[in-house]
Amino acid sequence: MTDTLPAPRRRRPWSRRTRPGADLALAIPLFLLETAWLVLDWIYGYGLDVWAAQGDRADIDAAALAHIGRLRVLLIAILVLAVLAAVFRARWTVVAHLLVALLAGGSLMAAQHEWDHDHTPPGCVRYSANC
């Protein structure tokens, strides 16, 4: 009787948890990179555009809308990376991405609130018949 070896199994990304060392080696630089991208975009992407507008309302509005669009794209990219990290069962990378996603979501919410606050029609009282 001959003993046959079992067929080699294909390794799927979700079959084993990622080693903690490799997980942290990926999580920490990505966290720092995404956070730095968010801060630098706020300072240089939005702040310098508003400064260069020199009070021109149309240019300031265009800069604000472009910044809101970039924040949305960054938030979507961070969430896609978090899902990929979850598939590979890299828990620290998922945690780092979710923290940056909370930061990016808060920034997006603040930028959208500022946009809505600056563009409400003057003289409108909430819950009145004319609004």
Protein backbone atom coordinates (compact mmCIF):
# COMPACT_ATOMS: atom_id res chain seq x y z
CA MET A 1 0.00 0.00 0.00
CA THR A 2 1.35 3.35 -0.92
CA ASP A 3 0.66 6.46 1.04
CA THR A 4 -0.11 9.47 -1.08
CA LEU A 5 0.53 12.98 0.05
CA PRO A 6 -2.47 15.24 0.28
CA ALA A 7 -2.81 17.80 -2.47
CA PRO A 8 -1.22 21.12 -1.55
CA ARG A 9 -3.77 23.62 -0.40
CA ARG A 10 -3.86 27.07 -1.86
CA ARG A 11 -3.18 29.76 0.64
CA ARG A 12 -5.87 32.35 0.88
CA PRO A 13 -5.16 35.75 2.45
CA TRP A 14 -7.81 35.29 5.11
CA SER A 15 -6.70 31.77 6.09
CA ARG A 16 -4.04 32.96 8.53
CA ARG A 17 -3.56 36.09 10.56
CA THR A 18 -0.77 38.42 9.48
CA ARG A 19 2.27 38.31 11.74
CA PRO A 20 2.20 41.16 14.30
CA GLY A 21 5.64 42.42 13.28
CA ALA A 22 4.68 42.73 9.63
CA ASP A 23 1.32 44.18 10.62
CA LEU A 24 2.88 46.92 12.74
CA ALA A 25 5.59 47.55 10.14
CA LEU A 26 2.81 48.36 7.68
CA ALA A 27 0.37 50.06 10.06
CA ILE A 28 2.68 52.68 11.56
CA PRO A 29 4.11 54.15 8.30
CA LEU A 30 0.69 54.14 6.62
CA PHE A 31 -0.86 55.89 9.63
CA LEU A 32 1.83 58.56 9.59
CA LEU A 33 1.67 58.96 5.81
CA GLU A 34 -2.11 59.31 5.69
CA THR A 35 -2.20 61.71 8.63
CA ALA A 36 0.59 63.82 7.13
CA TRP A 37 -1.23 63.84 3.78
CA LEU A 38 -4.38 65.07 5.48
CA VAL A 39 -2.59 67.83 7.42
CA LEU A 40 -0.45 68.98 4.50
CA ASP A 41 -3.47 69.07 2.19
CA TRP A 42 -5.32 71.20 4.72
CA ILE A 43 -2.39 73.60 5.07
CA TYR A 44 -1.00 73.75 1.56
CA GLY A 45 -3.86 72.56 -0.61
CA TYR A 46 -6.59 74.63 1.00
CA GLY A 47 -4.83 77.26 3.10
CA LEU A 48 -2.54 78.54 0.39
CA ASP A 49 -5.36 78.55 -2.17
CA VAL A 50 -7.43 80.73 0.13
CA TRP A 51 -4.41 82.95 0.79
CA ALA A 52 -3.71 83.26 -2.95
CA ALA A 53 -7.34 84.19 -3.63
CA GLN A 54 -6.75 87.55 -1.91
CA GLY A 55 -10.37 87.86 -0.84
CA ASP A 56 -11.93 86.87 -4.18
CA ARG A 57 -15.02 84.95 -3.07
CA ALA A 58 -15.27 82.83 -6.23
CA ASP A 59 -11.68 81.59 -5.87
CA ILE A 60 -12.18 80.87 -2.16
CA ASP A 61 -15.33 78.88 -2.94
CA ALA A 62 -13.52 76.95 -5.67
CA ALA A 63 -10.68 76.15 -3.25
CA ALA A 64 -13.16 74.99 -0.60
CA LEU A 65 -15.01 72.72 -3.03
CA ALA A 66 -11.75 71.26 -4.33
CA HIS A 67 -10.64 70.59 -0.75
CA ILE A 68 -13.93 68.87 0.07
CA GLY A 69 -13.53 66.71 -3.03
CA ARG A 70 -9.98 65.73 -2.07
CA LEU A 71 -11.12 64.85 1.45
CA ARG A 72 -13.83 62.57 0.03
CA VAL A 73 -11.33 60.80 -2.21
CA LEU A 74 -8.89 60.38 0.67
CA LEU A 75 -11.63 59.01 2.93
CA ILE A 76 -12.71 56.48 0.31
CA ALA A 77 -9.09 55.39 -0.29
CA ILE A 78 -8.53 54.95 3.45
CA LEU A 79 -11.67 52.84 3.83
CA VAL A 80 -10.72 50.66 0.84
CA LEU A 81 -7.29 50.08 2.40
CA ALA A 82 -8.97 49.23 5.71
CA VAL A 83 -11.11 46.61 3.98
CA LEU A 84 -8.04 45.13 2.28
CA ALA A 85 -6.23 45.01 5.60
CA ALA A 86 -9.25 43.28 7.13
CA VAL A 87 -9.18 40.67 4.36
CA PHE A 88 -5.52 39.98 5.15
CA ARG A 89 -6.43 39.90 8.87
CA ALA A 90 -3.96 42.64 9.80
CA ARG A 91 -5.75 43.99 12.83
CA TRP A 92 -3.35 46.83 13.71
CA THR A 93 -3.42 48.10 10.15
CA VAL A 94 -7.22 48.08 10.24
CA VAL A 95 -7.21 49.99 13.53
CA ALA A 96 -4.74 52.55 12.17
CA HIS A 97 -6.79 53.05 9.01
CA LEU A 98 -10.02 53.41 10.96
CA LEU A 99 -8.42 56.05 13.20
CA VAL A 100 -7.29 58.02 10.16
CA ALA A 101 -10.73 57.51 8.61
CA LEU A 102 -12.29 59.06 11.72
CA LEU A 103 -9.89 61.98 11.43
CA ALA A 104 -10.59 62.41 7.70
CA GLY A 105 -14.34 62.07 8.28
CA GLY A 106 -14.21 64.72 11.00
CA SER A 107 -12.24 67.02 8.70
CA LEU A 108 -14.72 66.43 5.90
CA MET A 109 -17.61 67.12 8.25
CA ALA A 110 -15.98 70.35 9.46
CA ALA A 111 -15.25 71.52 5.91
CA GLN A 112 -18.78 70.71 4.78
CA HIS A 113 -20.24 72.47 7.83
CA GLU A 114 -18.12 75.54 7.12
CA TRP A 115 -19.30 75.49 3.49
CA ASP A 116 -22.96 75.19 4.54
CA HIS A 117 -22.57 77.91 7.17
CA ASP A 118 -20.99 80.34 4.68
CA HIS A 119 -23.63 79.72 2.01
CA THR A 120 -26.93 80.01 3.85
CA PRO A 121 -29.24 82.68 2.46
CA PRO A 122 -29.16 85.85 4.59
CA GLY A 123 -32.23 86.83 6.53
CA CYS A 124 -33.71 83.35 6.54
CA VAL A 125 -35.13 82.28 9.88
CA ARG A 126 -35.45 78.55 10.33
CA TYR A 127 -38.93 77.12 10.54
CA SER A 128 -40.51 80.21 9.07
CA ALA A 129 -42.88 80.16 6.11
CA ASN A 130 -40.45 81.93 3.77
CA CYS A 131 -37.56 79.45 4.08
